[in-house]
Amino acid sequence: MEKEKKNSAKSFSMNGGDGPNSYLKNSSYQRGAVDGAKGMIREAIEEKLHISSSSPSDTIYIADLGCSVGQNTFIAIQNIVEAIERKSQSQGLGPQTPEFQVFFSDQVSNDFNKLFTSLPPQRQYFAAAVPGSFYNRLFPKQSLHFIYCSYSLQWLSKVPKEVEDMNSPAWNKGRIHYVEAQKEVVDAYFAQFVKDMESFLSARSQELLSGGLMALILPTYTKEMLSIKSFRRPLDILGSCLMEMSKKGIVSEAKVDSFNVPVYSPSSKELEEVIKNTGYFSIERLELLSISKKYKAGPDAKTFSMHIRAGLEGIIDEHFGREIIDELFVLFARKVAEYSHIYNSENRVNEDLFVILCRK
């Protein structure tokens, strides 16, 4: 039997539970992407997804990779299921619609208990959990019809080893990310992103049926955004907070120097090149995603800080300990308030990429 090569990915899960700092309570911006992508996913399914006319009762297999917890994944899956049902009816496959099996997949540390106690009681699909890193194979070969992955692929499988090496030109002293870092650091992050995306696309190419579709949503920054005067990104500000705490003796400077956040937001060109170079998928759609302003609003720096905390608290706790978390994010909220482009819907300048891929 052929053995699959494993990618030694680390686990970075969102905050579980349903408390005030949970991802469930702090993921309204991600909900905006679900709504913004609904029509484009429906169009892709109507125009590109092949459903066999020989057996209308065949099961359709769908996976959400990086499902986390909360309603966002259920809403996205319901949109996909409804679109496939309409597709099936439009093909004249009869009154009997296909059955649906949905796989909710995330890291093993994800709060699957909370996820499954929140399942919609009147759902139109069978549900199962598939824990593990999507940088490895997760499903049997040619078993899936549709894959959905939203706000997950910006997470690298690990911090690039060069930025943690004190003897490397890419040693990222005094920073926690590649933002405004020296070229060697940026190059190391980009190289890790390319390697991870190649692993991701290779795994999915084996799991999707020929003609199967994959929808991706991930954050991006254009050159125009980065050229804006006084532009700062959240991780840049968070790093400055940690450095300020080190100067106060709350954490050691060495501890900050050894901490890096494994997140990379590609440009549309970078993402397109990786997809084309692997050759597994055709790009059916790649464009900026339009998200309603009501979801982009913080509505204030404190609320925005809670959203960031829901995503990063786990890795910060692992590296620095839980005792600094509250003070860190109070300081972070205070600093974020100075930059309205980060949290205010009228001024916010970050964007998101929407991609539809078809398995060749």
Protein backbone atom coordinates (compact mmCIF):
# COMPACT_ATOMS: atom_id res chain seq x y z
CA MET A 1 0.00 0.00 0.00
CA GLU A 2 1.30 3.42 -0.90
CA LYS A 3 2.38 5.47 2.12
CA GLU A 4 1.53 9.13 2.29
CA LYS A 5 4.28 11.58 3.11
CA LYS A 6 3.33 13.51 6.23
CA ASN A 7 3.85 17.22 6.76
CA SER A 8 4.83 17.86 10.38
CA ALA A 9 2.30 20.64 10.86
CA LYS A 10 1.71 22.22 14.25
CA SER A 11 -1.75 22.75 15.67
CA PHE A 12 -3.08 26.31 15.81
CA SER A 13 -6.74 26.28 16.80
CA MET A 14 -9.15 29.12 17.46
CA ASN A 15 -10.50 29.65 20.99
CA GLY A 16 -13.15 27.06 21.75
CA GLY A 17 -16.21 27.20 23.97
CA ASP A 18 -18.80 29.98 23.93
CA GLY A 19 -17.25 32.48 26.33
CA PRO A 20 -16.62 36.19 25.61
CA ASN A 21 -13.18 35.45 24.10
CA SER A 22 -14.28 32.44 22.03
CA TYR A 23 -14.09 32.27 18.26
CA LEU A 24 -17.80 31.52 18.30
CA LYS A 25 -18.49 34.98 19.76
CA ASN A 26 -15.76 36.77 17.77
CA SER A 27 -16.01 35.76 14.12
CA SER A 28 -18.46 38.25 12.60
CA TYR A 29 -15.96 39.35 9.94
CA GLN A 30 -15.62 35.74 8.79
CA ARG A 31 -19.43 35.58 8.62
CA GLY A 32 -19.27 38.47 6.18
CA ALA A 33 -17.12 36.35 3.87
CA VAL A 34 -19.67 33.54 4.00
CA ASP A 35 -22.39 35.93 2.85
CA GLY A 36 -20.14 37.62 0.30
CA ALA A 37 -19.15 34.33 -1.30
CA LYS A 38 -22.63 32.76 -1.38
CA GLY A 39 -23.59 33.95 -4.86
CA MET A 40 -20.21 33.15 -6.41
CA ILE A 41 -20.20 29.64 -4.97
CA ARG A 42 -23.73 29.09 -6.29
CA GLU A 43 -22.65 30.21 -9.76
CA ALA A 44 -19.60 27.93 -9.70
CA ILE A 45 -21.70 24.93 -8.71
CA GLU A 46 -24.33 25.69 -11.38
CA GLU A 47 -21.77 26.16 -14.15
CA LYS A 48 -18.90 23.83 -13.25
CA LEU A 49 -19.87 21.02 -10.87
CA HIS A 50 -20.67 17.73 -12.58
CA ILE A 51 -23.38 15.58 -11.02
CA SER A 52 -23.98 12.11 -12.42
CA SER A 53 -27.33 11.75 -14.11
CA SER A 54 -27.21 7.96 -13.91
CA SER A 55 -27.83 7.79 -10.18
CA PRO A 56 -29.65 10.77 -8.70
CA SER A 57 -29.60 9.21 -5.23
CA ASP A 58 -25.79 9.02 -5.07
CA THR A 59 -24.27 10.66 -2.03
CA ILE A 60 -22.53 14.03 -2.45
CA TYR A 61 -19.45 14.42 -0.25
CA ILE A 62 -18.48 17.90 1.00
CA ALA A 63 -15.67 18.99 3.33
CA ASP A 64 -15.06 22.21 5.25
CA LEU A 65 -11.35 22.43 6.00
CA GLY A 66 -10.59 24.66 8.98
CA CYS A 67 -14.20 24.63 10.17
CA SER A 68 -13.43 25.86 13.72
CA VAL A 69 -16.64 26.34 15.79
CA GLY A 70 -19.80 28.38 15.50
CA GLN A 71 -22.46 29.12 12.93
CA ASN A 72 -20.21 30.28 10.08
CA THR A 73 -19.37 26.75 8.95
CA PHE A 74 -23.00 25.63 9.14
CA ILE A 75 -24.21 28.59 7.08
CA ALA A 76 -21.51 28.04 4.45
CA ILE A 77 -22.32 24.33 4.20
CA GLN A 78 -26.05 25.02 3.93
CA ASN A 79 -25.37 27.43 1.06
CA ILE A 80 -23.36 24.73 -0.73
CA VAL A 81 -25.97 22.02 -0.13
CA GLU A 82 -28.80 24.22 -1.41
CA ALA A 83 -26.81 25.15 -4.52
CA ILE A 84 -26.12 21.48 -5.32
CA GLU A 85 -29.78 20.61 -4.79
CA ARG A 86 -30.77 23.31 -7.28
CA LYS A 87 -28.14 22.03 -9.68
CA SER A 88 -29.51 18.50 -9.37
CA GLN A 89 -33.07 19.65 -10.04
CA SER A 90 -32.02 21.80 -13.00
CA GLN A 91 -30.41 18.75 -14.62
CA GLY A 92 -33.75 16.97 -14.48
CA LEU A 93 -32.55 14.19 -12.20
CA GLY A 94 -36.04 13.77 -10.83
CA PRO A 95 -37.70 14.65 -7.51
CA GLN A 96 -35.22 12.60 -5.49
CA THR A 97 -32.29 14.79 -4.47
CA PRO A 98 -28.89 13.38 -3.55
CA GLU A 99 -27.96 12.62 0.03
CA PHE A 100 -25.16 14.70 1.52
CA GLN A 101 -22.27 13.70 3.75
CA VAL A 102 -20.43 16.67 5.25
CA PHE A 103 -17.03 16.41 6.89
CA PHE A 104 -16.12 19.14 9.37
CA SER A 105 -12.33 19.15 9.56
CA ASP A 106 -9.87 21.07 11.71
CA GLN A 107 -6.84 20.53 13.90
CA VAL A 108 -7.12 17.83 16.58
CA SER A 109 -7.16 20.57 19.24
CA ASN A 110 -10.30 22.16 17.75
CA ASP A 111 -13.37 22.25 20.02
CA PHE A 112 -15.33 19.59 18.16
CA ASN A 113 -17.55 19.01 21.20
CA LYS A 114 -18.88 22.57 20.98
CA LEU A 115 -19.13 22.33 17.21
CA PHE A 116 -21.29 19.23 17.26
CA THR A 117 -23.53 20.35 20.11
CA SER A 118 -24.29 23.37 17.89
CA LEU A 119 -25.24 21.38 14.78
CA PRO A 120 -28.51 22.61 13.20
CA PRO A 121 -31.20 20.11 14.24
CA GLN A 122 -32.98 20.33 10.85
CA ARG A 123 -29.86 19.95 8.71
CA GLN A 124 -30.12 18.25 5.33
CA TYR A 125 -26.88 16.27 5.64
CA PHE A 126 -25.05 13.67 7.66
CA ALA A 127 -22.17 15.12 9.70
CA ALA A 128 -18.80 13.74 10.71
CA ALA A 129 -15.59 15.14 12.19
CA VAL A 130 -12.21 14.68 10.52
CA PRO A 131 -9.39 15.95 12.76
CA GLY A 132 -5.94 16.64 11.35
CA SER A 133 -3.82 19.09 9.38
CA PHE A 134 -5.00 19.89 5.86
CA TYR A 135 -1.37 20.01 4.79
CA ASN A 136 -1.66 16.20 4.82
CA ARG A 137 -4.14 13.81 3.22
CA LEU A 138 -7.39 13.62 5.17
CA PHE A 139 -9.74 11.65 2.89
CA PRO A 140 -9.65 8.63 0.55
CA LYS A 141 -8.64 9.23 -3.04
CA GLN A 142 -11.30 10.71 -5.34
CA SER A 143 -13.93 10.78 -2.62
CA LEU A 144 -15.01 14.43 -2.45
CA HIS A 145 -17.19 16.54 -4.72
CA PHE A 146 -16.72 19.93 -3.10
CA ILE A 147 -14.17 21.41 -0.67
CA TYR A 148 -14.63 24.69 1.19
CA CYS A 149 -11.78 26.40 3.06
CA SER A 150 -12.26 29.87 4.53
CA TYR A 151 -9.77 31.97 6.55
CA SER A 152 -7.50 29.01 7.21
CA LEU A 153 -4.86 28.86 4.47
CA GLN A 154 -3.11 31.99 5.75
CA TRP A 155 -1.95 29.81 8.67
CA LEU A 156 1.37 28.19 7.81
CA SER A 157 2.11 24.66 8.95
CA LYS A 158 4.95 26.06 11.08
CA VAL A 159 7.13 29.10 11.64
CA PRO A 160 9.92 29.19 9.00
CA LYS A 161 12.96 27.70 10.71
CA GLU A 162 15.26 30.46 9.44
CA VAL A 163 13.50 33.20 11.40
CA GLU A 164 14.03 31.29 14.66
CA ASP A 165 17.74 30.69 14.04
CA MET A 166 19.94 33.30 15.76
CA ASN A 167 22.73 32.54 13.26
CA SER A 168 20.54 33.01 10.19
CA PRO A 169 20.28 36.25 8.16
CA ALA A 170 16.52 35.78 8.59
CA TRP A 171 16.70 35.90 12.40
CA ASN A 172 13.62 37.99 13.23
CA LYS A 173 14.82 39.76 16.35
CA GLY A 174 12.38 42.26 17.85
CA ARG A 175 9.47 41.28 15.60
CA ILE A 176 6.83 38.57 15.64
CA HIS A 177 5.96 38.56 11.93
CA TYR A 178 7.34 39.44 8.50
CA VAL A 179 5.59 42.85 8.41
CA GLU A 180 8.23 45.57 7.91
CA ALA A 181 10.94 42.98 8.52
CA GLN A 182 14.11 42.59 6.48
CA LYS A 183 13.98 40.89 3.09
CA GLU A 184 15.37 37.58 4.37
CA VAL A 185 12.47 37.26 6.81
CA VAL A 186 9.87 38.02 4.14
CA ASP A 187 11.53 35.53 1.78
CA ALA A 188 11.50 32.82 4.47
CA TYR A 189 7.79 33.33 5.15
CA PHE A 190 6.98 33.29 1.44
CA ALA A 191 9.02 30.12 0.88
CA GLN A 192 7.14 28.39 3.69
CA PHE A 193 3.83 29.53 2.22
CA VAL A 194 4.74 28.10 -1.19
CA LYS A 195 5.83 24.79 0.33
CA ASP A 196 2.63 24.53 2.37
CA MET A 197 0.37 25.46 -0.53
CA GLU A 198 2.04 22.83 -2.70
CA SER A 199 1.34 20.24 0.00
CA PHE A 200 -2.25 21.43 0.38
CA LEU A 201 -2.97 21.37 -3.36
CA SER A 202 -1.32 17.99 -3.80
CA ALA A 203 -3.42 16.44 -1.03
CA ARG A 204 -6.65 17.96 -2.32
CA SER A 205 -5.92 16.91 -5.90
CA GLN A 206 -5.93 13.31 -4.73
CA GLU A 207 -9.08 13.62 -2.64
CA LEU A 208 -11.30 15.47 -5.13
CA LEU A 209 -13.09 13.71 -7.93
CA SER A 210 -12.16 14.80 -11.42
CA GLY A 211 -14.20 17.92 -12.08
CA GLY A 212 -14.70 18.48 -8.34
CA LEU A 213 -14.60 22.04 -7.06
CA MET A 214 -12.76 23.82 -4.27
CA ALA A 215 -13.63 27.25 -2.86
CA LEU A 216 -10.92 29.17 -0.98
CA ILE A 217 -11.13 32.44 0.95
CA LEU A 218 -8.04 34.00 2.49
CA PRO A 219 -6.78 37.47 3.45
CA THR A 220 -4.54 39.47 1.14
CA TYR A 221 -2.83 42.84 0.96
CA THR A 222 -2.23 44.69 -2.28
CA LYS A 223 0.70 47.00 -2.99
CA GLU A 224 -1.73 49.93 -2.97
CA MET A 225 -2.80 49.10 0.57
CA LEU A 226 0.75 48.83 1.80
CA SER A 227 1.61 52.20 0.29
CA ILE A 228 -0.97 54.00 2.46
CA LYS A 229 0.66 56.46 4.83
CA SER A 230 0.75 55.29 8.45
CA PHE A 231 -0.47 51.83 7.40
CA ARG A 232 0.01 49.29 10.17
CA ARG A 233 -1.15 45.74 10.42
CA PRO A 234 -2.50 44.09 13.58
CA LEU A 235 0.46 41.72 14.01
CA ASP A 236 2.87 44.65 13.74
CA ILE A 237 1.03 46.38 16.57
CA LEU A 238 0.82 43.19 18.63
CA GLY A 239 4.58 42.77 18.30
CA SER A 240 5.15 46.32 19.52
CA CYS A 241 2.95 45.54 22.54
CA LEU A 242 5.07 42.53 23.41
CA MET A 243 8.26 44.57 23.07
CA GLU A 244 6.80 47.23 25.36
CA MET A 245 5.98 44.55 27.91
CA SER A 246 9.53 43.23 27.67
CA LYS A 247 10.90 46.69 28.47
CA LYS A 248 8.71 46.69 31.59
CA GLY A 249 10.10 43.31 32.59
CA ILE A 250 6.74 41.51 32.21
CA VAL A 251 8.23 39.15 29.62
CA SER A 252 11.84 38.65 28.62
CA GLU A 253 13.17 40.19 25.42
CA ALA A 254 14.59 36.80 24.45
CA LYS A 255 11.11 35.33 24.75
CA VAL A 256 9.75 37.93 22.35
CA ASP A 257 12.65 37.44 19.94
CA SER A 258 11.88 33.72 19.75
CA PHE A 259 8.17 34.21 19.07
CA ASN A 260 6.85 34.42 15.50
CA VAL A 261 3.28 34.11 14.23
CA PRO A 262 3.01 31.55 11.39
CA VAL A 263 0.64 33.53 9.17
CA TYR A 264 1.20 34.68 5.58
CA SER A 265 -1.25 36.70 3.47
CA PRO A 266 -0.35 36.21 -0.22
CA SER A 267 -0.98 38.61 -3.05
CA SER A 268 -3.31 37.39 -5.80
CA LYS A 269 -0.29 36.98 -8.09
CA GLU A 270 1.60 34.86 -5.57
CA LEU A 271 -1.38 32.59 -5.02
CA GLU A 272 -2.11 32.28 -8.74
CA GLU A 273 1.49 31.31 -9.51
CA VAL A 274 1.55 28.54 -6.89
CA ILE A 275 -1.72 27.09 -8.17
CA LYS A 276 -0.58 27.17 -11.80
CA ASN A 277 2.86 25.75 -11.01
CA THR A 278 1.43 22.67 -9.30
CA GLY A 279 -0.80 21.97 -12.30
CA TYR A 280 -3.50 20.07 -10.41
CA PHE A 281 -6.29 22.62 -10.75
CA SER A 282 -7.69 25.08 -13.24
CA ILE A 283 -8.50 28.51 -11.83
CA GLU A 284 -12.16 29.21 -12.56
CA ARG A 285 -12.33 32.40 -10.53
CA LEU A 286 -9.82 34.48 -8.58
CA GLU A 287 -10.83 37.94 -7.39
CA LEU A 288 -11.24 40.19 -4.39
CA LEU A 289 -14.22 39.32 -2.23
CA SER A 290 -16.80 41.99 -1.50
CA ILE A 291 -17.74 42.00 2.19
CA SER A 292 -20.54 44.15 3.56
CA LYS A 293 -19.41 47.06 5.73
CA LYS A 294 -21.63 45.87 8.55
CA TYR A 295 -19.28 42.91 8.98
CA LYS A 296 -16.08 44.93 8.62
CA ALA A 297 -16.91 47.19 11.53
CA GLY A 298 -15.19 46.42 14.83
CA PRO A 299 -17.24 48.39 15.86
CA ASP A 300 -14.42 49.65 18.07
CA ALA A 301 -10.82 48.88 18.94
CA LYS A 302 -11.75 46.78 21.98
CA THR A 303 -14.10 44.55 20.00
CA PHE A 304 -11.53 44.20 17.22
CA SER A 305 -8.96 43.22 19.85
CA MET A 306 -11.26 40.43 21.03
CA HIS A 307 -11.49 39.09 17.48
CA ILE A 308 -7.70 38.93 17.24
CA ARG A 309 -7.47 37.34 20.67
CA ALA A 310 -9.90 34.59 19.63
CA GLY A 311 -7.46 33.55 16.91
CA LEU A 312 -4.08 34.08 18.59
CA GLU A 313 -4.59 33.41 22.28
CA GLY A 314 -3.67 29.74 21.98
CA ILE A 315 -0.19 30.22 20.49
CA ILE A 316 0.55 33.21 22.74
CA ASP A 317 -0.44 31.20 25.80
CA GLU A 318 1.74 28.30 24.66
CA HIS A 319 4.81 30.54 24.27
CA PHE A 320 4.45 33.16 27.02
CA GLY A 321 1.97 31.67 29.47
CA ARG A 322 -1.61 32.62 30.24
CA GLU A 323 -0.74 35.22 32.86
CA ILE A 324 0.14 37.90 30.27
CA ILE A 325 -2.90 37.48 28.01
CA ASP A 326 -5.31 39.96 29.58
CA GLU A 327 -2.75 42.73 29.96
CA LEU A 328 -1.42 42.18 26.44
CA PHE A 329 -4.80 42.60 24.78
CA VAL A 330 -5.76 45.62 26.87
CA LEU A 331 -2.57 47.26 25.62
CA PHE A 332 -3.25 46.01 22.09
CA ALA A 333 -6.75 47.54 22.05
CA ARG A 334 -5.35 50.86 23.24
CA LYS A 335 -2.77 50.93 20.45
CA VAL A 336 -5.22 49.76 17.77
CA ALA A 337 -7.47 52.70 18.64
CA GLU A 338 -4.82 54.98 17.11
CA TYR A 339 -5.25 53.36 13.67
CA SER A 340 -8.85 53.48 12.48
CA HIS A 341 -8.01 51.73 9.17
CA ILE A 342 -7.64 48.53 11.16
CA TYR A 343 -11.06 48.32 12.79
CA ASN A 344 -13.34 51.00 11.31
CA SER A 345 -15.50 49.83 8.40
CA GLU A 346 -15.21 53.18 6.64
CA ASN A 347 -11.41 53.16 6.65
CA ARG A 348 -10.45 49.48 6.76
CA VAL A 349 -8.08 48.63 3.91
CA ASN A 350 -7.37 44.91 4.10
CA GLU A 351 -8.96 42.67 1.48
CA ASP A 352 -9.79 39.02 0.94
CA LEU A 353 -9.29 36.71 -2.02
CA PHE A 354 -12.03 34.44 -3.32
CA VAL A 355 -10.90 31.50 -5.44
CA ILE A 356 -12.74 28.70 -7.24
CA LEU A 357 -10.58 25.80 -8.42
CA CYS A 358 -11.61 22.81 -10.53
CA ARG A 359 -9.80 19.49 -10.35
CA LYS A 360 -8.34 18.69 -13.77
